[in-house]
Structures are given as structure tokens and as C-alpha cells.
Amino acid sequence: MLVYGVCMRFRYLVASRDLRPGEIIMIVDPLVVGPPQCCQPLCLGCYKKLDLEVNTYRCEGCGWPQCGRDCPGRGTEYGHSGAECQLYETVRHKLLAADSSKLTPLYLVVVPLRCLLLQSDTEKWRTLLTMESHNEIRQKLPAIWRNNQDNVVNRIRKEWGMVQYEEDLIHTICGILEVNSFEVGQEGVSIRALYPQAFYMAHDCVPNTGHTDDKSFRLRVRASTKIHKGSSIYLSYAYTFQGTLKRRDHLKESKFFDCTCARCSDPTELGTYAGALKCPQCPTGIVLSTAPLDRDADWRCNNNACTGYTVPARSVRHLVDKIGDEVEALDESSIPALEAFITRYQNVLHPNHYHCLGVLHLLCQLYGKAPGFLINNLTEAQLRHKRNLCRQLLKVVDVLEPGYTVQGMGEVNKTGLTIGAGVLLYELHAPLMVLTTRGVEAHTISYRDLRSRLKEVAACLEQSSIILSFEPETSNEGMIGRAAKDALMRVREWQRIIAKS
């Protein structure tokens, strides 16, 4: 029985009964799968990236580059199908003559044409056309409309002579893809797909679902929180750990709507201050938007005792974008470089500002793994630093991606059923365990403290293994989940031994 219903008037999903965290809401196969909008040459069968100087094989039928004659995606529904190959036969000479630089823009037509080929399947075509395209909005955005006209519509109809596909219909398909596609893929492969039913899920910047896909591109959507009967089922079309300015701009530019969710409406972003700045005129003030749903509203210090520091929104955007460029240029493998960034902006950005969160997340993973910073070589101060970073990030995750709870976890309680939370919990267990082991060796912790610490380590690993058990086994997250499960067994053995002593 379906656990959701569709509100057709407003096009969103609601729970038809109470849903538990982790419960499957839907399992759906894609309507269509294919290359993302911006991609380098890849195989149209298995989507493996191709270096055309090394991978010189071309499909005998149509001339598109492929990984080889024995590609597992050759002739398959979600790979390089026979119908697709036949469609490209008339432009085979053009594809064979195209080098890497000329091929790259040609990938923009692949998924639209795969959508158009669905006309041979009445049910799938009907489902596709129920998806929103926002043509009336997109037509008023010259850059987007012209890009599709030049790179998709004109290429299909004028350059390749496929005039059986009408111009307006191609634009509609482009809009459907821009509004409704999911980013999917395994083992380094990044592609996009359209799914029936899933496209009805509404957006919220604090989602109550999570989703995964497997090697066959089948999508599994699960509840990440308790969802009560009659409540809306949400996903997030934006990156959760960005500030409101950035998220709303992204949603407006890519999904064509203005988000007015509770998080976007709150200057503090639900108390996380993920987009906040520090006041330069007083020691405790935090600079926030005076009207977060107005991208041009002034920002002002929230300290009533302050002299009233105010800054225009354009200046905030300029500053945040400039710092963002600096983040992009950072050496993501260098602990000193990342720590220097945090120090440099500690009086400018709130500690939970999304630029800081991204850098802190990298540090959480590097401490314990980077050369010169392996977990058993870290000083006690460095171990405590890693522990504190993990806890800081988990508190933010708990608000922005809330969900699954394992009781009795002390300070690590009520963390979201999300990939990020699962990885952070695994990272947190490491400094906790090493600090505990060193305390035992130095005889500086009591029997009672030892039991308490092991309980916290076990709780971290238990929740990490549960959360990451939903991820594909071959993914990095899936492997971390298995490692967490193995480590949990060892910690529980310790607990049994200590309980008997």
C-alpha cells in the first residue's frame, strides 16, 4: 500500500499514515537517465569518463564515444539503447569528426533526445508531460532560454535535421529536466535522471526525507524524521549547508521559485546562524538580514547595546562571494591551510557560517588520516580539537537535517538520518576512543568514567552504522558504515570484558 498521496491541486506529496524515520516512502525506477548538463566526454552506455586520446572506440552504429565494444550499458534501457543509436545514425559522420572540445557541448542534447524517444511508450510519455517545465518563467530569463535554443533546440532541428521534434516541445523537455531531475550515480559517476512520483515531492530547506540510488539507478526515498499522517513530504533542492542568500539565489536561478520556508524566513536560520557575520563594532553582536526573504534588505547587528552597525545586502554578498572564492582555492588536503582560514575569518564570520562549516568538515576528516596527523600520532589537544569540531558540526546537522535518534547517546543525541551525520559520527568515535585508551594506559580515568566513555563511543558507532547502512555498499559512505559496524562489535566486546571485571 502506498504510504503517500498526491495533492494534485498544489502538486505535492502527503503522508497517508504516520511514517517512522528510516521507513521507505517509495522505490522507483527512472524514466530516463543520462549525462549532466556540464560534463566532459563519457560513455553513453555506462557513463564512465573517457579520455579520447586513450579511449578511441566509437559506436559502430552512430559514432558516439564508448568505453569499448563490450560496454555493459550498450543496448540497455538506461544506457546507449538501440533506438538512440538508430536516431544518431544520420549524424554519425559529424560525431566521428568531433574531437573532445567539440563533443563536450553535444552531450547537452543526449538527455532531451532520450526524453523525446519516450513518445514510443504512451504511459512513460504521459508521466513525463505531467512534470512542471515553468516555460512561462523560463521564457523571461533570456540567458537560460537562449542557451537551450542554441545548444539543444537548434542543434537537434537545424544542425542535425531532426525536424520531427517541434521547437516548443524541445523547450518544454529542457524545462522538465531543469526543474525535476535528480543527480544520481555510483563510484564517481555523476549523471541525472527523471523519476515518476518522486517529482511531486515539495522542497524545504530542512527536508524530512533522504534518498539513495543503486547501480541500476533505482531511487529509494526514506523518511529521515517522523512524518505524521497528512503532513507534506519534503526534499531539499538546495545544498543544506549554505546560507539563505545562496540557497534562495540557487533555487530562483535553477528551480524558478522563491523559497519561503521556515528556515529562509528566519534571520538566524533556526538558530544555526549559518549565514551570519560578526559585528565589527561590538564584541558580541551578530550581523543578520533585517528581512531574509528580501535579498536586497539591509543587514544589521542584533546587539541592542551596539551603535547600530548596518551594511547593505550587496556588500554582504560581495564579501561572502569573495570569501567563497578563497575557500574554492584552498588546498583541501592541507590542515595548516584550512586552520589558517578559520583563524583569518574568526572575527568576520560566525563560527557556524557555511563557509566555516565546509572547512571544519574537511578538518574533521583530515585529523586522523592526513600524513603527519594520523589518529594515533595526534596530541591530546589535537584529539580534543577533532572531537569538538565533530560535535559542533553535529549540532548544526541536528537542526538542518534532523531525524533518526538512538537514545542514551549523551552529548551525541538526536542526530539526523543523513549521510553527513553518519560520517561525522564515525569521525567522532575515533578521538573519543583514542582519548579513552590513553586514559586507561595512563591510569587517569576511573572505572565509572571508562564505562561512560565506551557507552558514548558505542552510541556513535551504532548510529553511524544504522545511518550509513542505507547507502550503496560500494560507496565511500557504505564502506564507512561497514567499518562502523565492525568497530562497534569490538567496542561491545570491550564493554562485556569490563562488565565482568
Foldseek 3Di string as FASTA:
>chain_A
DQQWDAPVVVQFIFGQAKAAAFAWRDKFAFLEWAADQFDFQAAQFQQHHDDCVVQVDADPQAGRGHNDPVRPRECDLHGCNPVNSNLRNQVSVVNNPDDRVRCRLLRNQVGLVSLVVCVVPVVSVVQLVVADLPPVLVVVVVVNQVCCVVRHQCCCCPVRPVVVDPSVNSSSSVSSCLAAWDWADPDPRTIITHTGPVSSHAEDLQFQWDWHADSSRIIIIGGFATHHGGGTHYDHPADSLADLLVRQVCCCVRNNDGDDHPQQQDQCSQVLVQAWWADPQDDPWIWTFPGSSDLFGWIWTPDPPGPIDIDTSVVSVVVVVVVVVVLVPFDLLDPVRLVVSCVVRVNTGPCNHSSNLVSLLSLLVNQQPHVVRNLLNDDLVSLVVSLVSLLSNQVVQCSSHFGDFDPPQVSNTGGTLDLSLLVSLLSNLSSLVSVLVVCVVVVNDDLVVSLSSLSNSLRSLVSSLVSLCPYDCPHPSNVSSVVSVVVSVVSVVVNVVSVVD
